[in-house]
Amino acid sequence: MKEYLWLALIIVLIFVITLAGAIFSPSFSEQMGFLELFIIMGSLLFVFSVLVVAATLGFNSFAIFLTLMAAITMVVFGVQSALLMVGIVYCMWGFIFAMQLLLFEHGTKGAQEWFVGRYTHRSFLMEYRFFYPLLGIVYLLLEYLPHFIYRDNISTFKPADIAIKIDKLLKK
């Protein structure tokens, strides 16, 4: 719990220092630069807090939350910001899901507990189909990139087999 307090303190200090820079800047252009930085930092904090909520709640509850946050972002920052937020959250949650899937494939106990604790059979299949493109990207990054750099062997990756294993685990 103490780590969260330090994280919150650091975030507040970043905003206070940035806002102080905007208030005490000698020229108007420097003030606008600091205010722009303040707004961008707030937007980034908002997007990453949405990601934390996504990782905590799971996809079912998060779909409603993401719709609400995208609408609020669209009203406040515009359509492009809402699309950017949805894209970033999709990629980050998809990479989390893909990494857990790969960890499950390699027999990690924590990944098995993660899937059992968060998913039913139906919700897993929905997320699996939704993030299927990201599974291929993660596979390329984790297998082909090291192969080209270090000349490692490439292991086979069959997402359908992994899905069948997780299905059997979730149906128990």
Protein backbone atom coordinates (compact mmCIF):
# COMPACT_ATOMS: atom_id res chain seq x y z
CA MET A 1 0.00 0.00 0.00
CA LYS A 2 2.92 2.30 0.69
CA GLU A 3 4.04 2.07 -2.95
CA TYR A 4 0.70 3.48 -4.11
CA LEU A 5 1.07 6.45 -1.80
CA TRP A 6 4.52 7.20 -3.24
CA LEU A 7 3.17 6.84 -6.77
CA ALA A 8 0.29 9.21 -6.02
CA LEU A 9 2.70 11.69 -4.41
CA ILE A 10 5.00 11.63 -7.45
CA ILE A 11 2.08 12.17 -9.83
CA VAL A 12 0.77 15.10 -7.77
CA LEU A 13 4.26 16.62 -7.61
CA ILE A 14 4.66 16.38 -11.39
CA PHE A 15 1.40 18.26 -11.86
CA VAL A 16 2.26 20.86 -9.18
CA ILE A 17 5.71 21.53 -10.67
CA THR A 18 4.29 21.80 -14.18
CA LEU A 19 1.53 24.14 -13.01
CA ALA A 20 4.07 26.24 -11.05
CA GLY A 21 6.13 26.51 -14.24
CA ALA A 22 3.05 27.80 -16.05
CA ILE A 23 2.27 30.36 -13.34
CA PHE A 24 5.79 31.70 -12.85
CA SER A 25 7.00 31.70 -16.46
CA PRO A 26 8.18 35.13 -17.62
CA SER A 27 6.69 34.98 -21.13
CA PHE A 28 3.28 34.09 -22.50
CA SER A 29 4.70 31.42 -24.86
CA GLU A 30 6.44 29.65 -21.97
CA GLN A 31 3.21 29.74 -19.96
CA MET A 32 1.29 28.21 -22.87
CA GLY A 33 3.98 25.53 -23.26
CA PHE A 34 3.68 24.56 -19.59
CA LEU A 35 -0.12 24.59 -19.74
CA GLU A 36 -0.03 22.38 -22.83
CA LEU A 37 2.32 20.01 -21.00
CA PHE A 38 -0.06 20.05 -18.01
CA ILE A 39 -3.02 19.10 -20.23
CA ILE A 40 -1.05 16.38 -22.05
CA MET A 41 0.16 14.89 -18.76
CA GLY A 42 -3.44 14.88 -17.49
CA SER A 43 -4.58 13.13 -20.64
CA LEU A 44 -1.86 10.49 -20.32
CA LEU A 45 -2.72 9.94 -16.68
CA PHE A 46 -6.36 9.53 -17.68
CA VAL A 47 -5.53 6.95 -20.37
CA PHE A 48 -3.27 4.93 -18.07
CA SER A 49 -5.83 5.02 -15.26
CA VAL A 50 -8.37 3.62 -17.74
CA LEU A 51 -5.87 0.85 -18.49
CA VAL A 52 -5.51 0.06 -14.79
CA VAL A 53 -9.28 -0.15 -14.46
CA ALA A 54 -9.34 -2.47 -17.50
CA ALA A 55 -6.74 -4.75 -15.96
CA THR A 56 -8.64 -4.80 -12.67
CA LEU A 57 -12.19 -5.30 -13.90
CA GLY A 58 -11.71 -7.51 -16.93
CA PHE A 59 -13.29 -7.05 -20.33
CA ASN A 60 -16.99 -7.55 -19.51
CA SER A 61 -17.28 -4.72 -17.01
CA PHE A 62 -14.68 -2.70 -18.83
CA ALA A 63 -16.64 -2.50 -22.09
CA ILE A 64 -19.24 -0.29 -20.42
CA PHE A 65 -16.56 1.75 -18.68
CA LEU A 66 -14.58 2.23 -21.92
CA THR A 67 -17.70 3.41 -23.74
CA LEU A 68 -18.38 5.98 -21.05
CA MET A 69 -14.75 7.16 -20.97
CA ALA A 70 -14.58 7.38 -24.77
CA ALA A 71 -17.71 9.54 -24.78
CA ILE A 72 -16.30 11.83 -22.09
CA THR A 73 -12.96 12.05 -23.90
CA MET A 74 -14.72 12.82 -27.16
CA VAL A 75 -16.66 15.67 -25.57
CA VAL A 76 -13.66 17.13 -23.74
CA PHE A 77 -10.76 16.52 -26.15
CA GLY A 78 -12.36 15.65 -29.50
CA VAL A 79 -12.88 12.61 -31.69
CA GLN A 80 -9.20 12.06 -32.43
CA SER A 81 -8.36 11.86 -28.73
CA ALA A 82 -11.15 9.37 -28.12
CA LEU A 83 -9.92 7.20 -31.00
CA LEU A 84 -6.37 7.44 -29.69
CA MET A 85 -7.51 6.46 -26.19
CA VAL A 86 -9.52 3.49 -27.45
CA GLY A 87 -6.60 2.38 -29.65
CA ILE A 88 -4.06 2.62 -26.84
CA VAL A 89 -6.30 0.78 -24.38
CA TYR A 90 -7.06 -1.93 -26.98
CA CYS A 91 -3.35 -2.46 -27.64
CA MET A 92 -2.32 -2.44 -23.99
CA TRP A 93 -5.11 -4.76 -22.80
CA GLY A 94 -4.55 -6.96 -25.84
CA PHE A 95 -0.85 -7.25 -25.08
CA ILE A 96 -1.63 -8.12 -21.46
CA PHE A 97 -4.07 -10.79 -22.66
CA ALA A 98 -1.59 -12.13 -25.24
CA MET A 99 1.25 -12.28 -22.72
CA GLN A 100 -0.92 -14.16 -20.25
CA LEU A 101 -1.90 -16.53 -23.05
CA LEU A 102 1.77 -17.19 -23.86
CA LEU A 103 2.59 -17.63 -20.17
CA PHE A 104 -0.26 -20.14 -19.93
CA GLU A 105 1.16 -22.01 -22.93
CA HIS A 106 4.47 -22.37 -21.10
CA GLY A 107 2.79 -23.72 -17.96
CA THR A 108 2.98 -20.73 -15.63
CA LYS A 109 0.75 -21.26 -12.60
CA GLY A 110 0.01 -17.53 -12.24
CA ALA A 111 -1.38 -17.35 -15.77
CA GLN A 112 -3.68 -20.29 -15.08
CA GLU A 113 -4.98 -18.58 -11.96
CA TRP A 114 -5.38 -15.33 -13.92
CA PHE A 115 -7.62 -16.98 -16.52
CA VAL A 116 -9.64 -18.95 -13.97
CA GLY A 117 -10.13 -15.88 -11.78
CA ARG A 118 -11.19 -13.54 -14.57
CA TYR A 119 -13.00 -15.51 -17.23
CA THR A 120 -15.88 -17.79 -17.91
CA HIS A 121 -15.92 -19.97 -21.02
CA ARG A 122 -17.99 -17.43 -22.96
CA SER A 123 -16.06 -14.31 -21.87
CA PHE A 124 -12.73 -15.95 -22.68
CA LEU A 125 -13.83 -16.84 -26.20
CA MET A 126 -15.10 -13.30 -26.74
CA GLU A 127 -11.79 -11.75 -25.69
CA TYR A 128 -9.81 -14.37 -27.57
CA ARG A 129 -11.55 -13.43 -30.83
CA PHE A 130 -11.32 -9.73 -30.07
CA PHE A 131 -7.56 -9.77 -29.42
CA TYR A 132 -6.60 -12.42 -31.97
CA PRO A 133 -4.65 -9.93 -34.17
CA LEU A 134 -2.51 -8.93 -31.21
CA LEU A 135 -1.61 -12.57 -30.53
CA GLY A 136 0.17 -12.66 -33.88
CA ILE A 137 1.97 -9.38 -33.21
CA VAL A 138 3.20 -10.59 -29.81
CA TYR A 139 4.34 -13.85 -31.39
CA LEU A 140 6.29 -11.92 -34.03
CA LEU A 141 7.90 -9.71 -31.40
CA LEU A 142 8.81 -12.57 -29.07
CA GLU A 143 9.85 -15.19 -31.61
CA TYR A 144 10.90 -13.71 -34.93
CA LEU A 145 12.66 -10.60 -33.60
CA PRO A 146 15.00 -12.59 -31.30
CA HIS A 147 15.50 -15.09 -34.14
CA PHE A 148 16.79 -12.37 -36.42
CA ILE A 149 18.97 -10.80 -33.73
CA TYR A 150 20.35 -13.86 -31.90
CA ARG A 151 19.60 -16.66 -34.39
CA ASP A 152 17.49 -18.52 -31.81
CA ASN A 153 15.16 -21.32 -32.81
CA ILE A 154 11.60 -20.35 -33.57
CA SER A 155 8.99 -22.23 -31.55
CA THR A 156 5.65 -23.06 -33.06
CA PHE A 157 2.65 -21.04 -31.99
CA LYS A 158 -0.87 -22.32 -32.44
CA PRO A 159 -3.38 -20.04 -30.73
CA ALA A 160 -6.22 -22.50 -31.39
CA ASP A 161 -4.45 -25.18 -29.32
CA ILE A 162 -3.94 -22.74 -26.46
CA ALA A 163 -7.60 -21.73 -26.61
CA ILE A 164 -8.66 -25.37 -26.40
CA LYS A 165 -6.46 -25.91 -23.32
CA ILE A 166 -7.85 -22.84 -21.58
CA ASP A 167 -11.40 -23.86 -22.54
CA LYS A 168 -10.87 -27.23 -20.85
CA LEU A 169 -9.47 -25.44 -17.78
CA LEU A 170 -12.43 -23.05 -17.60
CA LYS A 171 -15.06 -25.77 -18.11
CA LYS A 172 -13.88 -27.66 -15.01
